[in-house]
């Protein structure tokens, strides 16, 4: 069992930055990969970024490459999403998720993740 709690969302102007955090508890944090997903109103959930248990394998959606950075601190049981140069189209509810299957690569399909947080809202004004 894993519990995930996101924080750090808010309202920001276009071009601004936010850092999301996701605190995990339960199973040993450094044994599983973590991902960030987002869902805008009326849209399907989409992959944003993922990081392997060691931090050595990272993937980003094309829409956020060069602007967002995923990282993790295994000592703090926390994964982060640094979001820079935010755009109005980044407005969404952001979720973190845990993939408990031990893999050598990270996955982008939401269905592969086993536990999800409740989400944190990010709103970018133009």
Protein backbone atom coordinates (compact mmCIF):
# COMPACT_ATOMS: atom_id res chain seq x y z
CA UNK A 1 0.00 0.00 0.00
CA UNK A 2 1.26 3.47 -0.92
CA UNK A 3 -0.23 6.83 0.00
CA UNK A 4 0.56 9.87 -2.16
CA UNK A 5 -0.13 13.50 -1.32
CA UNK A 6 0.52 16.28 -3.82
CA UNK A 7 1.09 19.92 -2.98
CA UNK A 8 2.42 23.08 -4.56
CA UNK A 9 -0.29 23.88 -7.07
CA UNK A 10 -1.75 27.34 -7.48
CA UNK A 11 -2.48 30.24 -9.75
CA UNK A 12 0.40 31.70 -11.74
CA UNK A 13 0.77 34.01 -14.71
CA UNK A 14 2.02 32.74 -18.04
CA UNK A 15 5.79 32.55 -18.02
CA UNK A 16 5.90 31.89 -14.30
CA UNK A 17 7.04 28.85 -12.34
CA UNK A 18 5.69 26.40 -9.81
CA UNK A 19 7.17 23.40 -8.06
CA UNK A 20 4.90 20.50 -7.28
CA UNK A 21 5.73 18.00 -4.57
CA UNK A 22 4.40 14.53 -3.97
CA UNK A 23 5.03 12.96 -0.58
CA UNK A 24 4.84 9.17 -0.45
CA UNK A 25 4.32 6.86 2.49
CA UNK A 26 3.86 3.14 2.92
CA UNK A 27 6.11 0.96 0.80
CA UNK A 28 9.85 1.72 0.60
CA UNK A 29 10.04 4.77 -1.66
CA UNK A 30 13.26 3.92 -3.46
CA UNK A 31 11.82 0.66 -4.75
CA UNK A 32 9.41 2.10 -7.33
CA UNK A 33 9.11 4.58 -10.17
CA UNK A 34 7.00 7.72 -9.97
CA UNK A 35 5.10 9.63 -12.57
CA UNK A 36 3.25 12.91 -13.00
CA UNK A 37 0.06 13.12 -15.03
CA UNK A 38 -2.43 15.91 -15.62
CA UNK A 39 -6.03 16.27 -16.65
CA UNK A 40 -7.68 19.42 -17.92
CA UNK A 41 -11.47 19.88 -17.82
CA UNK A 42 -13.10 17.93 -20.62
CA UNK A 43 -9.83 16.31 -21.58
CA UNK A 44 -8.33 12.89 -21.01
CA UNK A 45 -5.60 12.37 -18.49
CA UNK A 46 -2.17 12.73 -20.06
CA UNK A 47 1.35 11.77 -19.16
CA UNK A 48 3.70 14.55 -18.09
CA UNK A 49 6.89 13.02 -16.73
CA UNK A 50 8.23 9.93 -15.00
CA UNK A 51 11.34 8.98 -13.07
CA UNK A 52 12.76 5.58 -12.21
CA UNK A 53 13.40 4.41 -8.64
CA UNK A 54 17.04 5.49 -8.85
CA UNK A 55 16.43 8.69 -10.80
CA UNK A 56 18.58 7.38 -13.62
CA UNK A 57 15.79 6.96 -16.14
CA UNK A 58 13.51 9.91 -16.93
CA UNK A 59 10.90 10.60 -19.60
CA UNK A 60 8.93 13.71 -20.49
CA UNK A 61 5.96 14.42 -22.67
CA UNK A 62 6.99 16.41 -25.74
CA UNK A 63 4.74 19.26 -24.63
CA UNK A 64 6.79 19.89 -21.47
CA UNK A 65 10.33 19.01 -22.56
CA UNK A 66 12.74 21.81 -21.79
CA UNK A 67 10.30 23.48 -19.40
CA UNK A 68 9.53 20.87 -16.72
CA UNK A 69 11.98 18.89 -14.61
CA UNK A 70 11.13 15.81 -12.58
CA UNK A 71 13.33 14.80 -9.67
CA UNK A 72 13.13 12.74 -6.52
CA UNK A 73 14.64 12.74 -3.07
CA UNK A 74 14.52 9.20 -1.77
CA UNK A 75 15.66 10.31 1.68
CA UNK A 76 12.55 12.50 1.91
CA UNK A 77 10.19 10.08 0.13
CA UNK A 78 9.27 12.88 -2.23
CA UNK A 79 9.10 13.43 -5.96
CA UNK A 80 9.08 16.91 -7.47
CA UNK A 81 7.96 18.54 -10.67
CA UNK A 82 9.62 21.88 -11.36
CA UNK A 83 7.54 23.73 -13.93
CA UNK A 84 9.02 26.75 -15.67
CA UNK A 85 7.81 28.94 -18.53
CA UNK A 86 4.26 27.93 -17.78
CA UNK A 87 1.61 28.35 -20.45
CA UNK A 88 -2.18 28.62 -20.17
CA UNK A 89 -2.40 25.19 -21.79
CA UNK A 90 -0.58 23.74 -18.77
CA UNK A 91 -3.70 24.45 -16.69
CA UNK A 92 -4.90 21.14 -15.26
CA UNK A 93 -5.23 18.99 -12.19
CA UNK A 94 -1.83 17.38 -11.66
CA UNK A 95 -1.52 13.92 -10.17
CA UNK A 96 1.44 11.92 -9.02
CA UNK A 97 1.39 8.15 -9.32
CA UNK A 98 3.47 5.19 -8.24
CA UNK A 99 4.46 2.24 -10.45
CA UNK A 100 5.26 -0.63 -8.11
CA UNK A 101 6.48 -3.05 -10.77
CA UNK A 102 10.27 -3.15 -10.80
CA UNK A 103 11.33 -2.10 -14.30
CA UNK A 104 14.49 -0.93 -15.99
CA UNK A 105 12.55 1.75 -17.87
CA UNK A 106 9.78 4.15 -16.91
CA UNK A 107 6.35 3.91 -18.49
CA UNK A 108 4.02 6.57 -19.80
CA UNK A 109 0.72 4.70 -19.66
CA UNK A 110 -1.39 5.69 -16.71
CA UNK A 111 -2.85 2.21 -16.51
CA UNK A 112 0.57 0.88 -15.49
CA UNK A 113 0.58 2.91 -12.29
CA UNK A 114 -0.79 1.35 -9.15
CA UNK A 115 -1.41 4.24 -6.76
CA UNK A 116 -2.51 7.81 -7.31
CA UNK A 117 -2.66 10.98 -5.29
CA UNK A 118 -5.70 13.22 -5.04
CA UNK A 119 -4.27 15.87 -7.35
CA UNK A 120 -3.24 19.50 -7.06
CA UNK A 121 -4.66 22.23 -9.27
CA UNK A 122 -2.41 24.31 -11.49
CA UNK A 123 -3.95 27.32 -13.19
CA UNK A 124 -1.94 29.48 -15.58
CA UNK A 125 -3.45 32.82 -16.55
CA UNK A 126 -2.66 34.56 -19.82
